[in-house]
N, C-alpha and C. Protein backbone atom coordinates (compact mmCIF):
# COMPACT_ATOMS: atom_id res chain seq x y z
N MET A 1 33.17 4.56 -17.09
CA MET A 1 32.78 4.77 -18.53
C MET A 1 33.73 5.84 -19.21
N ALA A 2 34.41 5.26 -20.13
CA ALA A 2 35.27 6.27 -20.95
C ALA A 2 34.56 7.13 -21.96
N SER A 3 34.91 8.47 -21.94
CA SER A 3 34.14 9.27 -22.97
C SER A 3 34.92 9.08 -24.35
N SER A 4 34.34 9.73 -25.27
CA SER A 4 34.96 9.76 -26.56
C SER A 4 36.12 10.67 -26.66
N GLN A 5 36.16 11.62 -25.58
CA GLN A 5 37.35 12.69 -25.54
C GLN A 5 38.63 11.97 -24.84
N ASP A 6 38.50 10.80 -24.29
CA ASP A 6 39.60 10.20 -23.59
C ASP A 6 40.85 10.12 -24.55
N GLY A 7 40.68 9.86 -25.77
CA GLY A 7 41.75 9.75 -26.76
C GLY A 7 42.26 10.99 -27.07
N ASP A 8 41.64 12.20 -26.81
CA ASP A 8 42.24 13.40 -27.13
C ASP A 8 43.00 14.00 -25.91
N ARG A 9 42.93 13.54 -24.85
CA ARG A 9 43.49 14.24 -23.73
C ARG A 9 44.95 14.33 -23.81
N PRO A 10 45.65 13.18 -24.32
CA PRO A 10 47.27 13.41 -24.39
C PRO A 10 47.57 14.64 -25.35
N ALA A 11 46.81 14.96 -26.34
CA ALA A 11 47.07 16.06 -27.26
C ALA A 11 46.62 17.36 -26.72
N GLU A 12 45.99 17.45 -25.68
CA GLU A 12 45.32 18.67 -25.05
C GLU A 12 46.41 19.76 -24.94
N TRP A 13 47.62 19.30 -24.54
CA TRP A 13 48.62 20.37 -24.22
C TRP A 13 48.90 21.23 -25.56
N ARG A 14 48.69 20.68 -26.66
CA ARG A 14 48.98 21.44 -27.89
C ARG A 14 48.10 22.78 -27.96
N LYS A 15 46.97 22.74 -27.53
CA LYS A 15 46.09 23.83 -27.47
C LYS A 15 46.74 24.97 -26.54
N HIS A 16 47.14 24.56 -25.37
CA HIS A 16 47.62 25.44 -24.41
C HIS A 16 48.96 26.07 -24.93
N VAL A 17 49.87 25.39 -25.57
CA VAL A 17 51.25 25.82 -25.98
C VAL A 17 50.85 26.78 -27.17
N ARG A 18 49.82 26.53 -27.98
CA ARG A 18 49.52 27.33 -29.20
C ARG A 18 48.97 28.60 -28.48
N ALA A 19 48.18 28.61 -27.49
CA ALA A 19 47.56 29.69 -26.98
C ALA A 19 48.56 30.59 -26.20
N LEU A 20 49.70 29.96 -25.64
CA LEU A 20 50.80 30.69 -25.08
C LEU A 20 51.53 31.60 -26.23
N GLY A 21 51.74 30.78 -27.33
CA GLY A 21 52.42 31.47 -28.52
C GLY A 21 51.59 32.68 -29.03
N ILE A 22 50.18 32.44 -29.16
CA ILE A 22 49.42 33.64 -29.53
C ILE A 22 49.45 34.86 -28.60
N THR A 23 49.35 34.53 -27.25
CA THR A 23 49.45 35.54 -26.22
C THR A 23 50.64 36.26 -26.33
N SER A 24 51.83 35.62 -26.54
CA SER A 24 53.11 36.27 -26.59
C SER A 24 53.16 37.16 -27.80
N LEU A 25 52.68 36.81 -28.89
CA LEU A 25 52.74 37.50 -30.08
C LEU A 25 51.80 38.81 -29.95
N ALA A 26 50.79 38.73 -29.40
CA ALA A 26 49.91 39.91 -29.06
C ALA A 26 50.57 40.84 -28.11
N LEU A 27 51.28 40.33 -27.12
CA LEU A 27 52.10 41.19 -26.19
C LEU A 27 53.22 41.94 -26.94
N ILE A 28 53.94 41.19 -27.70
CA ILE A 28 55.10 41.71 -28.41
C ILE A 28 54.58 42.72 -29.63
N TYR A 29 53.41 42.64 -30.11
CA TYR A 29 52.97 43.36 -31.12
C TYR A 29 52.68 44.90 -30.53
N TRP A 30 52.25 44.87 -29.29
CA TRP A 30 51.90 46.18 -28.58
C TRP A 30 53.06 46.77 -27.89
N MET A 31 54.29 46.13 -27.99
CA MET A 31 55.41 46.81 -27.41
C MET A 31 55.84 47.97 -28.20
N ALA A 32 56.38 48.86 -27.38
CA ALA A 32 56.75 50.17 -27.98
C ALA A 32 58.21 49.95 -28.55
N ASP A 33 59.01 49.16 -27.94
CA ASP A 33 60.43 48.88 -28.50
C ASP A 33 60.31 47.70 -29.15
N LYS A 34 60.31 47.82 -30.54
CA LYS A 34 60.19 46.69 -31.44
C LYS A 34 61.46 45.89 -31.43
N ALA A 35 62.59 46.35 -31.20
CA ALA A 35 63.88 45.43 -31.11
C ALA A 35 63.80 44.55 -29.88
N LYS A 36 63.31 45.04 -28.82
CA LYS A 36 63.21 44.26 -27.58
C LYS A 36 62.01 43.21 -27.88
N GLY A 37 61.07 43.73 -28.49
CA GLY A 37 59.87 42.73 -28.85
C GLY A 37 60.42 41.60 -29.67
N HIS A 38 61.33 41.93 -30.64
CA HIS A 38 61.91 40.88 -31.45
C HIS A 38 62.73 39.84 -30.80
N GLU A 39 63.47 40.41 -29.68
CA GLU A 39 64.29 39.48 -28.95
C GLU A 39 63.35 38.68 -27.99
N PHE A 40 62.43 39.32 -27.46
CA PHE A 40 61.38 38.50 -26.66
C PHE A 40 60.75 37.37 -27.55
N ASP A 41 60.44 37.80 -28.76
CA ASP A 41 59.76 36.72 -29.63
C ASP A 41 60.68 35.62 -29.94
N LEU A 42 61.96 35.70 -30.07
CA LEU A 42 62.96 34.76 -30.33
C LEU A 42 63.01 33.77 -29.12
N ARG A 43 63.15 34.50 -27.99
CA ARG A 43 63.50 33.64 -26.64
C ARG A 43 62.14 32.89 -26.51
N ALA A 44 61.00 33.55 -26.56
CA ALA A 44 59.63 32.69 -26.33
C ALA A 44 59.62 31.67 -27.31
N THR A 45 59.76 31.89 -28.66
CA THR A 45 59.58 30.81 -29.55
C THR A 45 60.43 29.64 -29.11
N GLN A 46 61.84 29.89 -28.85
CA GLN A 46 62.69 28.75 -28.57
C GLN A 46 62.21 28.02 -27.40
N ALA A 47 61.72 28.74 -26.26
CA ALA A 47 61.24 28.13 -25.06
C ALA A 47 59.94 27.31 -25.40
N LEU A 48 59.07 27.79 -26.09
CA LEU A 48 57.73 27.00 -26.42
C LEU A 48 58.25 25.83 -27.30
N ASP A 49 59.05 25.94 -28.21
CA ASP A 49 59.67 24.83 -28.93
C ASP A 49 60.12 23.76 -28.05
N GLU A 50 60.95 24.11 -27.03
CA GLU A 50 61.53 23.15 -26.08
C GLU A 50 60.49 22.44 -25.30
N VAL A 51 59.50 23.32 -24.74
CA VAL A 51 58.39 22.73 -23.98
C VAL A 51 57.57 21.69 -24.84
N GLY A 52 57.41 22.11 -26.09
CA GLY A 52 56.66 21.17 -27.00
C GLY A 52 57.29 19.85 -27.25
N LYS A 53 58.63 19.85 -27.25
CA LYS A 53 59.47 18.72 -27.43
C LYS A 53 59.29 17.83 -26.19
N VAL A 54 59.44 18.29 -25.11
CA VAL A 54 59.33 17.60 -23.73
C VAL A 54 57.92 16.97 -23.74
N LEU A 55 56.95 17.80 -23.93
CA LEU A 55 55.54 17.24 -23.75
C LEU A 55 55.27 16.16 -24.92
N LEU A 56 55.75 16.30 -26.10
CA LEU A 56 55.60 15.32 -26.99
C LEU A 56 56.31 13.95 -26.59
N GLU A 57 57.50 14.18 -26.13
CA GLU A 57 58.28 12.96 -25.69
C GLU A 57 57.48 12.21 -24.40
N MET A 58 56.82 13.06 -23.55
CA MET A 58 56.06 12.56 -22.45
C MET A 58 54.79 11.82 -23.01
N GLU A 59 54.23 12.58 -23.99
CA GLU A 59 53.02 11.86 -24.66
C GLU A 59 53.27 10.51 -25.18
N HIS A 60 54.40 10.45 -25.88
CA HIS A 60 54.82 9.03 -26.55
C HIS A 60 55.13 8.13 -25.46
N SER A 61 55.80 8.54 -24.40
CA SER A 61 56.18 7.66 -23.27
C SER A 61 54.98 7.04 -22.41
N MET A 62 53.95 8.04 -22.39
CA MET A 62 52.85 7.73 -21.49
C MET A 62 51.67 6.85 -22.20
N PHE A 63 51.53 7.08 -23.55
CA PHE A 63 50.29 6.73 -24.19
C PHE A 63 50.56 5.89 -25.40
N ASP A 64 51.77 5.47 -25.52
CA ASP A 64 51.99 4.43 -26.64
C ASP A 64 51.49 3.19 -26.44
């Protein structure tokens, strides 16, 4: 029996990527070295964007 949430499963990854972004921002906020924090923020944002692109492509391939 399929639950009403079955249609939501492909998009579940978005919550996790968003949570990673929020967590990284919180860690960066508390860093003493703000310049290093900014560097980490740029790198983390780029990495999360790339992960999001791959997962979106996978979602479209698997569930279209």
